[in-house]
Amino acid sequence: MAKIKITQKQLDKIRESIGTNHDGNKMTKQQLFTIATLAYKMWENLSDDDQLEDWMTSKVAQTEQSIIAVTKAYFYDEVEEKIDGMKTLNPGDIVIGQ
């Protein structure tokens, strides 16, 4: 059987047409939307008297720390790109939600 050769441009077009083009930002935006929507819905329904299981509380705390870390790094990179000389800004100095 003869090998079929395609160019990078053709390969990219094939990936786009079958939906395997890896667009990380699109997927990340969808995931962030899901997180925000579900978190808000849970926040609305959760009363101060509700008792969550320990594993649920732990997962929420871990998720909060993960989102904070990613957000700090994202905004640090964004600021660094826009303003020259921001090398002295430490992502740990950024406070979110306090």
Protein backbone atom coordinates (compact mmCIF):
# COMPACT_ATOMS: atom_id res chain seq x y z
CA MET A 1 0.00 0.00 0.00
CA ALA A 2 1.36 3.45 -0.92
CA LYS A 3 1.81 6.06 1.79
CA ILE A 4 -0.35 9.14 1.60
CA LYS A 5 1.44 12.44 2.16
CA ILE A 6 -0.32 15.58 3.30
CA THR A 7 0.92 19.04 4.17
CA GLN A 8 0.67 20.62 7.63
CA LYS A 9 -1.99 22.97 6.24
CA GLN A 10 -4.05 20.01 5.03
CA LEU A 11 -3.64 18.26 8.38
CA ASP A 12 -4.83 21.38 10.23
CA LYS A 13 -7.86 21.59 7.95
CA ILE A 14 -8.70 17.94 8.64
CA ARG A 15 -8.39 18.48 12.38
CA GLU A 16 -10.70 21.49 12.22
CA SER A 17 -13.27 19.61 10.18
CA ILE A 18 -13.46 16.68 12.63
CA GLY A 19 -13.24 18.79 15.75
CA THR A 20 -9.87 17.61 17.02
CA ASN A 21 -8.16 20.97 16.73
CA HIS A 22 -6.81 21.50 20.24
CA ASP A 23 -8.16 24.88 21.24
CA GLY A 24 -7.24 24.99 24.93
CA ASN A 25 -8.79 28.38 25.56
CA LYS A 26 -12.17 27.32 24.24
CA MET A 27 -12.23 24.24 26.46
CA THR A 28 -10.92 26.21 29.44
CA LYS A 29 -13.63 28.84 28.99
CA GLN A 30 -16.28 26.10 28.88
CA GLN A 31 -14.85 24.52 32.03
CA LEU A 32 -14.71 27.86 33.86
CA PHE A 33 -18.31 28.56 32.86
CA THR A 34 -19.38 25.18 34.23
CA ILE A 35 -17.48 25.75 37.48
CA ALA A 36 -18.94 29.24 37.90
CA THR A 37 -22.49 28.15 37.08
CA LEU A 38 -22.51 25.11 39.35
CA ALA A 39 -20.74 26.92 42.17
CA TYR A 40 -23.26 29.76 42.03
CA LYS A 41 -26.19 27.34 41.98
CA MET A 42 -24.79 25.50 45.00
CA TRP A 43 -24.08 28.81 46.78
CA GLU A 44 -27.70 29.85 46.21
CA ASN A 45 -29.11 26.62 47.62
CA LEU A 46 -26.69 26.05 50.49
CA SER A 47 -27.94 27.41 53.80
CA ASP A 48 -25.78 28.23 56.81
CA ASP A 49 -27.37 25.29 58.62
CA ASP A 50 -26.55 22.69 55.94
CA GLN A 51 -23.92 20.12 56.87
CA LEU A 52 -21.77 18.91 53.99
CA GLU A 53 -19.82 15.70 54.20
CA ASP A 54 -16.13 16.14 55.01
CA TRP A 55 -15.01 15.07 51.55
CA MET A 56 -17.26 17.72 49.97
CA THR A 57 -15.83 20.47 52.15
CA SER A 58 -12.31 19.29 51.33
CA LYS A 59 -12.97 19.28 47.57
CA VAL A 60 -14.43 22.81 47.70
CA ALA A 61 -11.36 24.04 49.64
CA GLN A 62 -8.97 22.36 47.17
CA THR A 63 -10.85 23.80 44.22
CA GLU A 64 -10.77 27.28 45.72
CA GLN A 65 -6.99 27.08 46.17
CA SER A 66 -6.54 25.77 42.61
CA ILE A 67 -8.67 28.52 41.06
CA ILE A 68 -6.86 31.18 43.11
CA ALA A 69 -3.45 29.87 42.00
CA VAL A 70 -4.42 29.77 38.32
CA THR A 71 -6.08 33.20 38.46
CA LYS A 72 -3.08 34.80 40.14
CA ALA A 73 -0.69 33.32 37.58
CA TYR A 74 -2.96 34.31 34.67
CA PHE A 75 -3.33 37.90 35.79
CA TYR A 76 0.37 38.13 36.63
CA ASP A 77 1.27 37.03 33.09
CA GLU A 78 -1.32 39.40 31.62
CA VAL A 79 0.00 42.38 33.58
CA GLU A 80 3.61 41.47 32.83
CA GLU A 81 2.87 41.42 29.09
CA LYS A 82 1.14 44.81 29.15
CA ILE A 83 3.44 46.74 31.46
CA ASP A 84 7.19 46.68 31.00
CA GLY A 85 9.24 46.24 34.15
CA MET A 86 6.74 44.26 36.21
CA LYS A 87 9.39 41.71 37.19
CA THR A 88 9.09 42.86 40.81
CA LEU A 89 5.42 41.84 41.06
CA ASN A 90 5.05 38.60 42.99
CA PRO A 91 1.92 36.55 42.23
CA GLY A 92 1.75 35.77 45.96
CA ASP A 93 1.15 39.48 46.63
CA ILE A 94 -2.11 39.45 44.69
CA VAL A 95 -5.09 39.07 47.01
CA ILE A 96 -8.36 37.78 45.60
CA GLY A 97 -11.65 37.96 47.46
CA GLN A 98 -10.42 39.37 50.75
